Amino acid sequence: MTETATTATLRVPDALLHYEVRGRGPLVVLAAAPMDARSFEPLADLLAADHTVLTTDPRGIYRSQVDDPDADATPELRADDLARLIRHLDVGPAAAVLGSSGGAVSVLALAQAHPGLARTVIAHEPPLDQLVADREDLLRRTDEMVATYLSGDPLGAWRQFMAIADIAMPDEVVEQMFGGERSAQDLADERFQYEHMLRPTVRWVPDLDALRSASTRIVVGIGEDSGGELCERTSEALARGLGVEPTRFPGGHVGFAEDPRRFAVRLREVLGEG
C-alpha cells in the first residue's frame, strides 16, 4: 500500500528545502546525499504504517533549491537543514534518523551538533575517507575524478567513481546509466554533486569523542553485500573509533532501495534494540 505523502517546503538559510511527510507515530527521518527523497519512497511507505516518516531532497538537489549555486553543500549545512526540519515538524525528538552514503555523513554531523534531536542515529555506509589508512591516495583520486568531470568527461568521472568506491560494475552498465540521454534536472544534480557535495563529504572528519559521549545512540550500518567496497572499510573504521560493532543490513550500498521490505524488517529490529 502506498501512503499519501504531504509535500511542503521550508525556507532555511540560503536554501528552500523540499520535504515529504507520511504516516503517524514516532518520527523517523530518512536522509541521503546526493540521492533525493524519491529513493526512500518504498521504505517510507512501509514505515509509515506506525511512524511519522520525514524525507527530503538535500540542498542543491532536485526540488531543494539553493540561493547560491556556487556554494558547497557541506555535511554541517545538511545537518543544520535536518535539524530545522525536525524542529519545524514539532512532533518531538526523532525516534531515529537514518542516513545513507553522503546522508550518513549528514546524520553524523547532526548527532554532533544537535545530540538531543534524535534518540538513535543510523549511519549507513558513510564515505569517511579520512578514517582509513589510504586516505591521501583516496583524496588525490577524488580530486582527479572531479577534474575529469569538470573537463567535460562525465562518463570517465563515473568510471573513476566506481573504481575509487571498489564497486564492481560492468562498463556497459556504467555507460547505460551515465552515458545516454538524461534529463536536464539529472544533469544539474550530477554537476552539483561533483562540484559542491562530493569533496566536502569525503573530507569530513567526525568528532569521535563527541559522538561517543553524546546521549544519542549511534549505529553504524553496513550492507551485507558490500564486502570489499570502500564504504565497508570506512564504516568499519568509524565503528572501531566509536567502540561499537557494525550492524549489518540487507543488500548493498543502497539496500534500502534494492529491497525495501527486507530493509524495513531489519530497521525495525534495530530500532527495537534501542
Protein backbone atom coordinates (compact mmCIF):
# COMPACT_ATOMS: atom_id res chain seq x y z
CA MET A 1 0.00 0.00 0.00
CA THR A 2 1.31 3.43 -0.97
CA GLU A 3 0.98 6.09 1.70
CA THR A 4 -0.11 9.54 0.65
CA ALA A 5 2.72 11.97 1.32
CA THR A 6 2.22 15.57 2.34
CA THR A 7 4.74 17.69 0.46
CA ALA A 8 5.89 21.14 1.50
CA THR A 9 8.89 23.47 1.53
CA LEU A 10 10.83 25.09 4.34
CA ARG A 11 12.94 28.20 3.97
CA VAL A 12 16.31 27.76 5.70
CA PRO A 13 19.45 29.91 5.45
CA ASP A 14 20.45 30.07 1.78
CA ALA A 15 18.06 27.34 0.61
CA LEU A 16 14.44 26.30 0.12
CA LEU A 17 14.07 22.67 1.17
CA HIS A 18 11.55 20.27 -0.32
CA TYR A 19 10.31 17.70 2.19
CA GLU A 20 7.65 15.00 2.47
CA VAL A 21 5.80 13.55 5.47
CA ARG A 22 3.95 10.22 5.68
CA GLY A 23 2.10 8.33 8.40
CA ARG A 24 1.66 8.86 12.14
CA GLY A 25 3.59 7.83 15.20
CA PRO A 26 7.19 8.30 16.37
CA LEU A 27 9.27 10.34 13.95
CA VAL A 28 11.75 8.59 11.65
CA VAL A 29 13.90 10.68 9.31
CA LEU A 30 15.40 9.19 6.13
CA ALA A 31 18.22 11.20 4.56
CA ALA A 32 20.51 10.66 1.59
CA ALA A 33 23.04 12.70 -0.37
CA PRO A 34 23.16 13.14 -3.28
CA MET A 35 20.09 10.91 -3.76
CA ASP A 36 16.79 12.73 -3.28
CA ALA A 37 13.62 11.77 -1.42
CA ARG A 38 12.36 9.55 -4.24
CA SER A 39 14.96 6.89 -3.37
CA PHE A 40 13.30 6.38 0.02
CA GLU A 41 9.65 6.29 -1.13
CA PRO A 42 9.10 2.48 -0.88
CA LEU A 43 10.80 2.26 2.54
CA ALA A 44 8.96 5.35 3.77
CA ASP A 45 5.62 3.84 2.75
CA LEU A 46 6.38 0.70 4.75
CA LEU A 47 7.48 2.59 7.86
CA ALA A 48 4.52 4.97 7.69
CA ALA A 49 2.23 2.20 8.96
CA ASP A 50 3.28 3.13 12.50
CA HIS A 51 5.70 6.05 12.19
CA THR A 52 5.73 9.64 11.02
CA VAL A 53 8.31 9.48 8.23
CA LEU A 54 10.19 12.56 7.02
CA THR A 55 12.11 12.52 3.74
CA THR A 56 13.76 15.42 1.95
CA ASP A 57 15.86 16.38 -1.05
CA PRO A 58 19.29 17.57 0.17
CA ARG A 59 20.06 21.21 -0.56
CA GLY A 60 21.03 21.81 -4.18
CA ILE A 61 19.47 18.56 -5.41
CA TYR A 62 16.23 18.22 -7.42
CA ARG A 63 13.48 20.18 -5.64
CA SER A 64 15.60 21.73 -2.86
CA GLN A 65 16.84 24.97 -4.34
CA VAL A 66 19.86 26.93 -3.15
CA ASP A 67 20.27 30.69 -3.29
CA ASP A 68 23.91 30.41 -4.36
CA PRO A 69 24.52 27.51 -6.77
CA ASP A 70 28.28 28.01 -6.38
CA ALA A 71 28.30 27.35 -2.61
CA ASP A 72 29.25 23.93 -1.23
CA ALA A 73 26.62 21.75 0.47
CA THR A 74 28.73 20.67 3.44
CA PRO A 75 27.76 17.99 5.97
CA GLU A 76 27.36 20.74 8.59
CA LEU A 77 24.89 22.64 6.41
CA ARG A 78 22.95 19.47 5.57
CA ALA A 79 22.84 18.57 9.28
CA ASP A 80 21.50 22.01 10.12
CA ASP A 81 18.84 21.57 7.44
CA LEU A 82 17.74 18.28 9.02
CA ALA A 83 17.65 19.88 12.47
CA ARG A 84 15.46 22.71 11.20
CA LEU A 85 13.09 20.25 9.50
CA ILE A 86 12.74 18.16 12.68
CA ARG A 87 12.03 21.24 14.78
CA HIS A 88 9.64 22.57 12.14
CA LEU A 89 7.52 19.39 12.27
CA ASP A 90 7.26 19.88 16.04
CA VAL A 91 6.40 16.27 16.92
CA GLY A 92 9.20 15.84 19.45
CA PRO A 93 12.65 14.30 19.14
CA ALA A 94 13.09 11.80 16.34
CA ALA A 95 12.96 8.15 17.33
CA ALA A 96 15.56 7.57 14.63
CA VAL A 97 17.44 9.34 11.86
CA LEU A 98 18.77 7.06 9.12
CA GLY A 99 21.31 8.43 6.69
CA SER A 100 22.74 6.58 3.71
CA SER A 101 26.04 7.28 1.93
CA GLY A 102 26.56 11.06 1.96
CA GLY A 103 23.38 11.24 4.02
CA ALA A 104 25.11 9.07 6.63
CA VAL A 105 27.73 11.79 6.96
CA SER A 106 24.92 14.35 7.29
CA VAL A 107 23.32 12.47 10.19
CA LEU A 108 26.65 12.03 11.98
CA ALA A 109 27.11 15.80 11.75
CA LEU A 110 23.57 16.13 13.10
CA ALA A 111 24.40 13.89 16.08
CA GLN A 112 27.46 16.03 16.84
CA ALA A 113 25.79 19.42 16.61
CA HIS A 114 22.28 18.51 17.83
CA PRO A 115 22.60 15.39 20.03
CA GLY A 116 19.17 15.77 21.60
CA LEU A 117 17.21 15.78 18.35
CA ALA A 118 17.31 12.01 17.77
CA ARG A 119 17.35 9.05 20.11
CA THR A 120 19.07 6.86 17.51
CA VAL A 121 21.23 7.88 14.55
CA ILE A 122 21.96 5.19 11.97
CA ALA A 123 24.88 5.98 9.67
CA HIS A 124 24.58 3.51 6.79
CA GLU A 125 27.86 3.28 4.87
CA PRO A 126 29.27 6.80 5.32
CA PRO A 127 32.15 7.50 2.89
CA LEU A 128 34.52 8.83 5.56
CA ASP A 129 37.75 8.61 3.58
CA GLN A 130 39.74 10.40 6.28
CA LEU A 131 39.35 7.43 8.64
CA VAL A 132 41.23 4.86 6.54
CA ALA A 133 44.97 4.37 6.07
CA ASP A 134 45.00 5.18 2.34
CA ARG A 135 43.20 8.49 2.87
CA GLU A 136 45.76 10.59 0.98
CA ASP A 137 45.52 8.39 -2.11
CA LEU A 138 41.72 8.39 -1.97
CA LEU A 139 41.52 12.17 -1.69
CA ARG A 140 44.02 12.58 -4.56
CA ARG A 141 42.00 10.25 -6.76
CA THR A 142 38.80 12.09 -5.80
CA ASP A 143 40.32 15.40 -6.88
CA GLU A 144 41.35 13.78 -10.18
CA MET A 145 37.82 12.43 -10.65
CA VAL A 146 36.24 15.84 -10.09
CA ALA A 147 38.73 17.36 -12.55
CA THR A 148 37.76 14.70 -15.09
CA TYR A 149 34.11 15.61 -14.67
CA LEU A 150 34.73 19.35 -14.95
CA SER A 151 36.80 18.78 -18.10
CA GLY A 152 33.63 17.57 -19.83
CA ASP A 153 34.02 13.81 -19.40
CA PRO A 154 31.22 12.71 -17.04
CA LEU A 155 31.39 9.08 -18.16
CA GLY A 156 35.09 8.98 -17.38
CA ALA A 157 34.40 10.51 -13.98
CA TRP A 158 31.82 7.84 -13.18
CA ARG A 159 34.28 5.13 -14.15
CA GLN A 160 36.75 6.68 -11.71
CA PHE A 161 33.99 6.90 -9.08
CA MET A 162 33.29 3.17 -9.30
CA ALA A 163 36.99 2.37 -9.13
CA ILE A 164 37.52 4.53 -6.04
CA ALA A 165 34.46 3.04 -4.37
CA ASP A 166 35.60 -0.52 -5.23
CA ILE A 167 32.18 -1.16 -6.76
CA ALA A 168 32.35 -3.85 -9.43
CA MET A 169 30.11 -2.64 -12.25
CA PRO A 170 30.46 -3.70 -15.90
CA ASP A 171 31.46 -0.83 -18.14
CA GLU A 172 28.39 -1.31 -20.31
CA VAL A 173 26.20 -0.75 -17.24
CA VAL A 174 28.11 2.42 -16.36
CA GLU A 175 27.60 3.62 -19.93
CA GLN A 176 23.91 2.78 -19.81
CA MET A 177 23.41 4.63 -16.52
CA PHE A 178 25.51 7.71 -17.16
CA GLY A 179 26.38 7.87 -20.86
CA GLY A 180 23.00 8.12 -22.56
CA GLU A 181 20.34 10.78 -22.82
CA ARG A 182 19.38 12.15 -19.43
CA SER A 183 17.10 14.91 -18.25
CA ALA A 184 18.31 18.44 -17.64
CA GLN A 185 17.48 18.00 -13.96
CA ASP A 186 19.55 14.82 -13.64
CA LEU A 187 22.49 16.56 -15.28
CA ALA A 188 22.14 19.59 -13.00
CA ASP A 189 22.01 17.36 -9.90
CA GLU A 190 25.04 15.41 -11.11
CA ARG A 191 27.03 18.59 -11.65
CA PHE A 192 26.11 19.91 -8.21
CA GLN A 193 27.19 16.62 -6.65
CA TYR A 194 30.60 16.67 -8.32
CA GLU A 195 31.22 20.38 -7.85
CA HIS A 196 29.77 21.08 -4.41
CA MET A 197 28.85 17.96 -2.43
CA LEU A 198 31.26 15.10 -3.01
CA ARG A 199 34.55 16.54 -1.74
CA PRO A 200 33.15 18.19 1.41
CA THR A 201 31.51 14.87 2.25
CA VAL A 202 34.52 12.56 1.88
CA ARG A 203 36.85 15.07 3.55
CA TRP A 204 34.66 15.44 6.65
CA VAL A 205 36.23 14.20 9.90
CA PRO A 206 33.85 13.11 12.66
CA ASP A 207 34.49 14.16 16.26
CA LEU A 208 34.67 10.67 17.71
CA ASP A 209 34.88 11.90 21.30
CA ALA A 210 31.72 13.96 20.86
CA LEU A 211 29.87 11.08 19.22
CA ARG A 212 30.95 8.60 21.92
CA SER A 213 29.81 10.90 24.71
CA ALA A 214 26.53 12.01 23.11
CA SER A 215 23.24 10.84 24.56
CA THR A 216 22.23 9.80 21.05
CA ARG A 217 22.72 6.13 20.25
CA ILE A 218 24.95 5.79 17.18
CA VAL A 219 24.51 2.75 14.93
CA VAL A 220 26.98 2.10 12.09
CA GLY A 221 25.23 0.22 9.28
CA ILE A 222 26.88 -1.83 6.54
CA GLY A 223 25.20 -3.71 3.70
CA GLU A 224 25.53 -7.49 3.75
CA ASP A 225 26.55 -7.36 0.07
CA SER A 226 29.10 -4.55 0.43
CA GLY A 227 32.09 -6.77 1.15
CA GLY A 228 35.34 -5.32 -0.15
CA GLU A 229 33.87 -1.93 -1.05
CA LEU A 230 35.33 1.34 0.20
CA CYS A 231 32.26 2.22 2.28
CA GLU A 232 32.57 -1.06 4.16
CA ARG A 233 36.11 -0.08 5.11
CA THR A 234 35.18 3.46 6.14
CA SER A 235 32.19 2.21 8.13
CA GLU A 236 34.28 -0.39 9.93
CA ALA A 237 36.83 2.31 10.77
CA LEU A 238 34.07 4.51 12.17
CA ALA A 239 32.70 1.65 14.27
CA ARG A 240 36.16 0.95 15.70
CA GLY A 241 36.58 4.63 16.54
CA LEU A 242 33.25 4.66 18.35
CA GLY A 243 33.84 1.35 20.10
CA VAL A 244 30.72 -0.29 18.64
CA GLU A 245 30.06 -3.31 16.47
CA PRO A 246 28.81 -2.59 12.93
CA THR A 247 25.21 -3.56 12.23
CA ARG A 248 24.52 -5.44 9.01
CA PHE A 249 21.56 -4.55 6.81
CA PRO A 250 20.16 -6.39 3.77
CA GLY A 251 21.56 -5.57 0.35
CA GLY A 252 24.45 -3.37 -0.60
CA HIS A 253 25.20 0.33 -0.55
CA VAL A 254 21.62 1.22 -1.46
CA GLY A 255 19.92 -1.80 0.10
CA PHE A 256 17.02 0.37 1.29
CA ALA A 257 16.07 0.92 -2.37
CA GLU A 258 17.03 -2.54 -3.68
CA ASP A 259 14.84 -4.48 -1.24
CA PRO A 260 12.88 -2.06 0.95
CA ARG A 261 10.77 -4.80 2.59
CA ARG A 262 13.75 -6.71 3.95
CA PHE A 263 15.44 -3.46 4.88
CA ALA A 264 12.35 -2.28 6.78
CA VAL A 265 12.23 -5.53 8.77
CA ARG A 266 15.87 -5.15 9.77
CA LEU A 267 15.44 -1.46 10.54
CA ARG A 268 12.54 -2.23 12.89
CA GLU A 269 14.73 -4.83 14.64
CA VAL A 270 17.50 -2.27 15.10
CA LEU A 271 15.08 0.33 16.45
CA GLY A 272 13.70 -2.25 18.87
CA GLU A 273 17.19 -2.93 20.21
CA GLY A 274 17.46 0.69 21.30
